[in-house]
Structure formats: structure tokens, C-alpha cells
Amino acid sequence: MKNKQKIIIFLFLTLFFTGVIFLINTFYFSTNLIDNSEEQYIEETFKSSEEKNKYLDEAKNILINKKKEELKQEELKQELNKIKEEKLNNIKQEKIKKIILKNKYKNIEFSSVPYNFINTQNQEKEDIETILKNEDIFWLLKKIEIIFYEEEGDVRWRMKNRAIKLFAPQNMKKDELIAIFIHEFSHYIDIYSLERGNYKDISNKFYDISWYSTKILNSGLTGKDFVSGYAMTNKYEDFAESLTYYILHNNDFLEKSKKSEILRKKYNFFSFYIFKNKLFQNTDFSEGNKIKNYYRDITKINFSLNNLLQYLKYYI
């Protein structure tokens, strides 16, 4: 009986301690296991979050760079379009300018006899264009034609029906040719350019200074009252010679006008009625030639053609 009790007690104690040990192990180790699992989970979560953020940052940078590149390309495209548009506008404006100038100067015509002779006189054509296209001279034009003749004529030049004819220009010095053109252009201004009033031509104001009629001088006049001997032949040549002198030898004209009331009136006539913007005043293209008391023909006086052309190109 006692042995049986001992066995029962032993079994009970064994089961009791086994249960206690089980409970202790289960509680302690399960807690540690949970803690370890939580730590591992948290660690993996952080690790995953960091990698995710890294990937997100990389993706974000890629998108930003792509956007920057797109903006850069768009800006470049806009800049190229702007340059292209400006270039097209410049081309368009240049074409418009050429059309305007072509229409503006359409009243200036050049021709020659024979037809291809004008090609050999191209420089003379350009020089005459430089004179006519100066703004302070161009306003005097209505319609004008300049004709070069290869053959010599009975005269060196002629002006009729708005056409200036120059004969055998290849045989003339360039400055003489231009002086002749200016002389004939002065006739053109006299006849076609000056405004006509209700009762008389403005040119009459010039004629009346020296002329009683076409070829009869006012009384009391002498050679010092005219710029050349040719100017004394009739009132029309007086006008043309005086205007040529005014353009090419303005200082000489001004100096002589101080000694002649008649010349002073003629000088002032051109300043007031033709060159109101003071073109040619105080100019000297005479290449230092001394003033002579008498000239037979103004077109025979040497002058610097280059200086005249440069002046007309840049005069403001």
C-alpha cells in the first residue's frame, strides 16, 4: 500500500514539475521568439522601406532629368523657331525693301545706243545713280531717262523730253562726264522740277536777276556777275552753269558772290528753292584749284569725283 502511494505521489510530482517546466519554457521562449520575430519583421520592414525609397528617389531623379531634357529640347526648339522666324522676317523685310526701292526709283531709266553699250558704261551709270538717289536730289525727279550713245554727236550732250543724252562718254574723263550730266540735269530741274505758280514759273525768279529776255541781259551787268562765259549766252545756260557751279564748286561760288550782288542772289536762289537742307553748302570738290576770275565752261573745271560721290552717299 505504501509503495502504491509513493508511486502515485512520484507520478503527481513528476507531472506537476513537468507542467511547470513546460509552462516556463512555453512562456519564456515564446516571448523571446515573438520579440525576435518582431525585431526581424521591423528590420526587414525598414530595409524594404529604405530600398523602396531608394528606388523612388532614383525614379524621381529619372523623371526630373527627363522633364529637364524635355524642357531643354522645347526651349531649344522655341529658340530655333524664333531664329527661323526672325530670319524669315528679315528676308521678307529685305524683299519688301527691294520692292519699295525698285518702285521708288522706277522713274530713273537708263538705256544706250547700241543696246549693249550700257554694259561698258556701268560705272558711269552707278555714279549717276548715286547722285540721283540722294534724298535731297531725288525729290526733284519726276521721270528721267539717261541715254548713252557710243558715237559722237554734234555736241557732247543734249537734254530733251526728260531725257539726258550723253554722246561718246568713253572718250571723256569721268569727272568731265559727270559734270556734263550735272549741267544737263540742271536744265531738267529748271524745266521739269521747279513748281509752277498760278502766273509764272519759279525759274523766272532766277532769270529776272540777270535777264531782260531769253538772250538779252539786264543793263549794267558784266562778266563778274556770271559764273562762266557760257552762262552769258542765254538765261537757260545761265541757270544750268550756275547750278553746276553751286554743286561742284560751292565755296568758289560763295566767295565770288561776296563781290557781286547778282551772284549772291543766284547763290541764294539755289539755297532757298532747290537745296533747302543746305546740301553742298560749304563744300569744295575742286581739289585745291585756285579761284579764277573767268571760266569759259564749268564742265571743264577739274574736280574730285570720288569726294563728290562719297559726300552724296553719307550726307545727312
Protein backbone atom coordinates (compact mmCIF):
# COMPACT_ATOMS: atom_id res chain seq x y z
CA MET A 1 0.00 0.00 0.00
CA LYS A 2 2.76 2.39 0.91
CA ASN A 3 4.59 1.62 -2.29
CA LYS A 4 1.50 2.33 -4.31
CA GLN A 5 1.11 5.71 -2.60
CA LYS A 6 4.73 6.55 -3.22
CA ILE A 7 4.33 5.74 -6.86
CA ILE A 8 1.23 7.92 -7.13
CA ILE A 9 2.96 10.81 -5.33
CA PHE A 10 6.01 10.44 -7.58
CA LEU A 11 3.88 10.45 -10.68
CA PHE A 12 1.96 13.51 -9.46
CA LEU A 13 5.14 15.41 -8.67
CA THR A 14 6.62 14.40 -11.98
CA LEU A 15 3.56 15.64 -13.84
CA PHE A 16 3.45 18.80 -11.76
CA PHE A 17 7.09 19.76 -12.34
CA THR A 18 6.83 18.73 -15.97
CA GLY A 19 3.83 21.06 -16.35
CA VAL A 20 5.65 23.85 -14.53
CA ILE A 21 8.72 23.40 -16.70
CA PHE A 22 6.53 23.30 -19.81
CA LEU A 23 4.74 26.42 -18.80
CA ILE A 24 8.00 28.22 -18.04
CA ASN A 25 9.56 27.15 -21.32
CA THR A 26 6.48 27.96 -23.26
CA PHE A 27 6.10 31.42 -21.73
CA TYR A 28 9.79 32.41 -21.84
CA PHE A 29 10.82 31.05 -25.19
CA SER A 30 7.61 32.05 -26.94
CA THR A 31 8.10 35.59 -25.68
CA ASN A 32 11.65 35.65 -26.96
CA LEU A 33 10.51 34.14 -30.23
CA ILE A 34 7.88 36.81 -30.60
CA ASP A 35 10.38 39.50 -29.74
CA ASN A 36 12.86 38.11 -32.23
CA SER A 37 10.18 37.84 -34.89
CA GLU A 38 9.06 41.38 -34.27
CA GLU A 39 12.62 42.67 -34.45
CA GLN A 40 13.26 40.71 -37.60
CA TYR A 41 10.00 41.96 -39.11
CA ILE A 42 10.73 45.56 -38.17
CA GLU A 43 14.28 45.27 -39.51
CA GLU A 44 13.07 43.79 -42.77
CA THR A 45 10.36 46.44 -42.97
CA PHE A 46 12.92 49.25 -42.56
CA LYS A 47 15.21 47.59 -45.04
CA SER A 48 12.38 47.24 -47.53
CA SER A 49 11.31 50.84 -46.90
CA GLU A 50 14.84 52.14 -47.49
CA GLU A 51 15.18 50.21 -50.74
CA LYS A 52 11.75 51.39 -51.79
CA ASN A 53 12.68 55.00 -51.05
CA LYS A 54 15.94 54.49 -52.93
CA TYR A 55 14.06 53.19 -55.94
CA LEU A 56 11.54 56.01 -55.63
CA ASP A 57 14.33 58.59 -55.47
CA GLU A 58 16.01 57.06 -58.49
CA ALA A 59 12.73 57.02 -60.38
CA LYS A 60 12.05 60.58 -59.28
CA ASN A 61 15.51 61.72 -60.48
CA ILE A 62 14.96 59.97 -63.80
CA LEU A 63 11.63 61.75 -64.24
CA ILE A 64 13.13 65.09 -63.23
CA ASN A 65 16.05 64.68 -65.64
CA LYS A 66 13.68 63.61 -68.37
CA LYS A 67 11.49 66.63 -67.68
CA LYS A 68 14.54 68.89 -67.73
CA GLU A 69 15.65 67.40 -71.02
CA GLU A 70 12.16 67.84 -72.44
CA LEU A 71 12.12 71.47 -71.29
CA LYS A 72 15.59 71.98 -72.68
CA GLN A 73 14.56 70.49 -76.01
CA GLU A 74 11.40 72.61 -76.01
CA GLU A 75 13.38 75.77 -75.24
CA LEU A 76 15.87 74.86 -77.97
CA LYS A 77 13.02 74.23 -80.38
CA GLN A 78 11.43 77.58 -79.49
CA GLU A 79 14.78 79.34 -79.88
CA LEU A 80 15.34 77.72 -83.27
CA ASN A 81 11.81 78.65 -84.32
CA LYS A 82 12.44 82.19 -83.14
CA ILE A 83 15.70 82.40 -85.11
CA LYS A 84 13.98 80.89 -88.14
CA GLU A 85 11.09 83.33 -87.82
CA GLU A 86 13.45 86.30 -87.44
CA LYS A 87 15.42 85.11 -90.45
CA LEU A 88 12.26 84.75 -92.49
CA ASN A 89 11.09 88.19 -91.35
CA ASN A 90 14.46 89.69 -92.30
CA ILE A 91 14.28 88.04 -95.70
CA LYS A 92 10.71 89.26 -96.06
CA GLN A 93 11.63 92.78 -95.00
CA GLU A 94 14.60 92.76 -97.36
CA LYS A 95 12.34 91.72 -100.24
CA ILE A 96 9.83 94.40 -99.29
CA LYS A 97 12.64 96.95 -99.10
CA LYS A 98 13.89 95.96 -102.56
CA ILE A 99 10.38 96.20 -103.97
CA ILE A 100 9.86 99.61 -102.37
CA LEU A 101 13.22 100.86 -103.66
CA LYS A 102 12.50 99.44 -107.10
CA ASN A 103 9.18 101.25 -107.19
CA LYS A 104 10.69 104.33 -105.62
CA TYR A 105 13.39 104.64 -108.27
CA LYS A 106 11.34 103.36 -111.19
CA ASN A 107 11.30 106.85 -112.72
CA ILE A 108 15.07 106.64 -113.26
CA GLU A 109 15.76 104.81 -116.52
CA PHE A 110 19.00 104.03 -118.33
CA SER A 111 19.42 102.97 -121.94
CA SER A 112 22.07 103.08 -124.63
CA VAL A 113 22.72 103.03 -128.34
CA PRO A 114 23.67 100.39 -129.31
CA TYR A 115 21.68 98.40 -126.78
CA ASN A 116 24.60 96.61 -125.14
CA PHE A 117 26.76 99.76 -124.90
CA ILE A 118 25.38 100.46 -121.42
CA ASN A 119 27.28 97.41 -120.14
CA THR A 120 30.59 99.11 -120.88
CA GLN A 121 29.41 102.26 -119.09
CA ASN A 122 28.29 100.52 -115.92
CA GLN A 123 30.50 102.60 -113.58
CA GLU A 124 29.19 105.85 -115.06
CA LYS A 125 25.65 104.53 -114.60
CA GLU A 126 26.35 103.78 -110.91
CA ASP A 127 27.89 107.22 -110.38
CA ILE A 128 24.84 108.94 -111.89
CA GLU A 129 22.53 106.77 -109.77
CA THR A 130 24.44 107.82 -106.64
CA ILE A 131 23.73 111.45 -107.49
CA LEU A 132 20.07 111.00 -108.37
CA LYS A 133 19.25 108.74 -105.39
CA ASN A 134 20.47 111.20 -102.79
CA GLU A 135 17.33 112.16 -100.85
CA ASP A 136 17.88 115.90 -101.27
CA ILE A 137 18.16 115.48 -105.03
CA PHE A 138 15.71 112.64 -105.62
CA TRP A 139 12.71 114.80 -104.67
CA LEU A 140 13.42 116.88 -107.78
CA LEU A 141 12.75 113.93 -110.08
CA LYS A 142 9.52 113.16 -111.86
CA LYS A 143 10.65 110.92 -114.71
CA ILE A 144 14.09 110.94 -116.28
CA GLU A 145 15.99 108.83 -118.80
CA ILE A 146 19.74 108.80 -119.29
CA ILE A 147 20.89 107.58 -122.70
CA PHE A 148 24.49 106.71 -123.59
CA TYR A 149 25.44 106.98 -127.27
CA GLU A 150 28.55 105.19 -128.44
CA GLU A 151 29.00 107.50 -131.42
CA GLU A 152 29.95 111.14 -131.11
CA GLY A 153 27.31 113.76 -131.88
CA ASP A 154 27.47 117.35 -132.96
CA VAL A 155 27.50 118.21 -129.24
CA ARG A 156 28.74 116.39 -126.14
CA TRP A 157 25.30 116.28 -124.57
CA ARG A 158 21.67 117.19 -125.01
CA MET A 159 18.53 117.30 -122.81
CA LYS A 160 15.08 116.98 -124.36
CA ASN A 161 11.74 115.47 -123.33
CA ARG A 162 13.02 114.43 -119.89
CA ALA A 163 15.92 112.54 -121.48
CA ILE A 164 19.59 113.40 -121.00
CA LYS A 165 21.71 112.20 -123.92
CA LEU A 166 25.46 111.72 -123.48
CA PHE A 167 27.49 111.20 -126.66
CA ALA A 168 30.69 109.12 -126.74
CA PRO A 169 31.16 109.05 -122.94
CA GLN A 170 34.03 106.57 -123.41
CA ASN A 171 36.09 109.44 -124.82
CA MET A 172 35.59 111.70 -121.79
CA LYS A 173 37.26 111.83 -118.42
CA LYS A 174 34.92 110.56 -115.71
CA ASP A 175 34.76 113.83 -113.83
CA GLU A 176 34.01 115.70 -117.07
CA LEU A 177 31.24 113.23 -117.94
CA ILE A 178 29.61 113.69 -114.52
CA ALA A 179 29.98 117.49 -114.75
CA ILE A 180 28.23 117.36 -118.13
CA PHE A 181 25.48 115.20 -116.66
CA ILE A 182 25.01 117.67 -113.78
CA HIS A 183 24.82 120.54 -116.26
CA GLU A 184 22.10 118.75 -118.25
CA PHE A 185 20.34 117.68 -115.07
CA SER A 186 20.29 121.35 -114.10
CA HIS A 187 18.31 122.02 -117.30
CA TYR A 188 15.97 119.20 -116.26
CA ILE A 189 15.44 120.84 -112.85
CA ASP A 190 14.86 124.19 -114.50
CA ILE A 191 12.23 122.89 -116.92
CA TYR A 192 10.52 119.99 -115.10
CA SER A 193 11.22 120.09 -111.35
CA LEU A 194 10.53 123.58 -110.06
CA GLU A 195 6.92 124.18 -109.10
CA ARG A 196 4.87 126.44 -111.28
CA GLY A 197 2.77 129.14 -109.70
CA ASN A 198 -0.54 130.47 -111.00
CA TYR A 199 1.12 133.14 -113.12
CA LYS A 200 4.75 132.20 -113.77
CA ASP A 201 7.43 129.59 -113.39
CA ILE A 202 9.58 129.83 -110.25
CA SER A 203 12.61 129.71 -112.57
CA ASN A 204 11.63 133.22 -113.67
CA LYS A 205 12.78 134.43 -110.27
CA PHE A 206 16.26 133.32 -111.31
CA TYR A 207 16.01 134.63 -114.87
CA ASP A 208 14.87 138.07 -113.67
CA ILE A 209 18.10 138.51 -111.73
CA SER A 210 20.13 138.91 -114.93
CA TRP A 211 17.90 138.71 -117.97
CA TYR A 212 15.51 141.05 -119.68
CA SER A 213 14.54 138.31 -122.13
CA THR A 214 15.92 134.93 -123.19
CA LYS A 215 19.12 136.34 -124.71
CA ILE A 216 19.11 139.99 -123.66
CA LEU A 217 20.88 140.93 -120.40
CA ASN A 218 19.68 143.50 -117.91
CA SER A 219 21.60 146.73 -118.16
CA GLY A 220 24.77 147.30 -116.18
CA LEU A 221 25.86 143.64 -115.89
CA THR A 222 29.40 142.46 -116.54
CA GLY A 223 31.27 139.18 -116.69
CA LYS A 224 31.81 139.17 -112.90
CA ASP A 225 28.04 138.71 -112.50
CA PHE A 226 28.15 135.29 -114.20
CA VAL A 227 29.91 132.06 -113.24
CA SER A 228 31.19 131.43 -116.79
CA GLY A 229 31.30 132.77 -120.31
CA TYR A 230 28.86 130.08 -121.40
CA ALA A 231 26.41 131.29 -118.70
CA MET A 232 26.18 134.63 -120.54
CA THR A 233 24.78 133.11 -123.78
CA ASN A 234 21.15 132.89 -122.56
CA LYS A 235 19.08 132.62 -119.40
CA TYR A 236 18.78 128.81 -119.60
CA GLU A 237 22.52 128.27 -119.80
CA ASP A 238 22.98 130.80 -117.01
CA PHE A 239 20.73 128.65 -114.83
CA ALA A 240 22.47 125.37 -115.74
CA GLU A 241 26.03 126.70 -115.45
CA SER A 242 25.28 128.45 -112.15
CA LEU A 243 23.66 125.37 -110.62
CA THR A 244 26.54 123.17 -111.79
CA TYR A 245 28.96 125.62 -110.20
CA TYR A 246 26.89 125.63 -106.99
CA ILE A 247 27.04 121.81 -106.78
CA LEU A 248 30.67 121.20 -107.73
CA HIS A 249 32.43 124.37 -106.56
CA ASN A 250 30.23 125.81 -103.85
CA ASN A 251 32.97 127.60 -101.92
CA ASP A 252 34.19 129.31 -105.10
CA PHE A 253 30.64 130.42 -105.87
CA LEU A 254 30.21 131.73 -102.33
CA GLU A 255 33.48 133.69 -102.44
CA LYS A 256 32.60 135.29 -105.76
CA SER A 257 29.10 136.13 -104.52
CA LYS A 258 30.71 138.39 -101.89
CA LYS A 259 31.93 140.61 -104.71
CA SER A 260 28.77 140.57 -106.82
CA GLU A 261 25.22 141.27 -105.67
CA ILE A 262 23.95 139.45 -108.78
CA LEU A 263 25.90 136.27 -107.96
CA ARG A 264 24.78 136.49 -104.34
CA LYS A 265 21.12 136.49 -105.45
CA LYS A 266 21.73 133.49 -107.72
CA TYR A 267 23.52 131.60 -104.93
CA ASN A 268 20.67 132.32 -102.53
CA PHE A 269 18.10 131.23 -105.13
CA PHE A 270 19.54 127.69 -105.23
CA SER A 271 19.82 127.57 -101.43
CA PHE A 272 16.20 128.60 -100.96
CA TYR A 273 14.32 126.91 -103.81
CA ILE A 274 16.32 123.76 -104.56
CA PHE A 275 18.62 122.67 -101.73
CA LYS A 276 16.66 123.74 -98.66
CA ASN A 277 18.55 121.28 -96.42
CA LYS A 278 21.82 123.09 -97.18
CA LEU A 279 23.16 120.31 -99.42
CA PHE A 280 26.51 121.37 -100.96
CA GLN A 281 26.88 124.48 -98.82
CA ASN A 282 30.49 124.99 -97.67
CA THR A 283 31.70 122.07 -99.80
CA ASP A 284 34.73 122.06 -102.05
CA PHE A 285 35.35 119.32 -104.62
CA SER A 286 37.80 121.46 -106.59
CA GLU A 287 40.90 119.54 -105.44
CA GLY A 288 42.54 122.75 -104.25
CA ASN A 289 42.23 124.61 -107.56
CA LYS A 290 42.52 128.35 -107.10
CA ILE A 291 39.54 130.53 -107.91
CA LYS A 292 39.76 132.10 -111.34
CA ASN A 293 38.03 135.29 -112.33
CA TYR A 294 36.76 133.74 -115.52
CA TYR A 295 35.75 130.27 -116.71
CA ARG A 296 34.55 129.55 -120.21
CA ASP A 297 32.74 126.31 -119.31
CA ILE A 298 32.10 124.99 -115.79
CA THR A 299 32.13 121.36 -117.00
CA LYS A 300 35.80 121.75 -117.95
CA ILE A 301 36.94 122.54 -114.38
CA ASN A 302 38.67 119.58 -112.70
CA PHE A 303 37.11 118.27 -109.50
CA SER A 304 37.28 115.16 -107.29
CA LEU A 305 34.50 112.85 -108.44
CA ASN A 306 35.26 110.42 -105.62
CA ASN A 307 34.84 113.12 -102.96
CA LEU A 308 31.54 114.21 -104.51
CA LEU A 309 30.16 110.65 -104.56
CA GLN A 310 31.29 109.91 -101.01
CA TYR A 311 29.65 113.12 -99.83
CA LEU A 312 26.35 112.27 -101.51
CA LYS A 313 26.36 108.70 -100.10
CA TYR A 314 26.82 109.76 -96.49
CA TYR A 315 25.43 113.29 -96.35
CA ILE A 316 22.71 113.67 -93.69
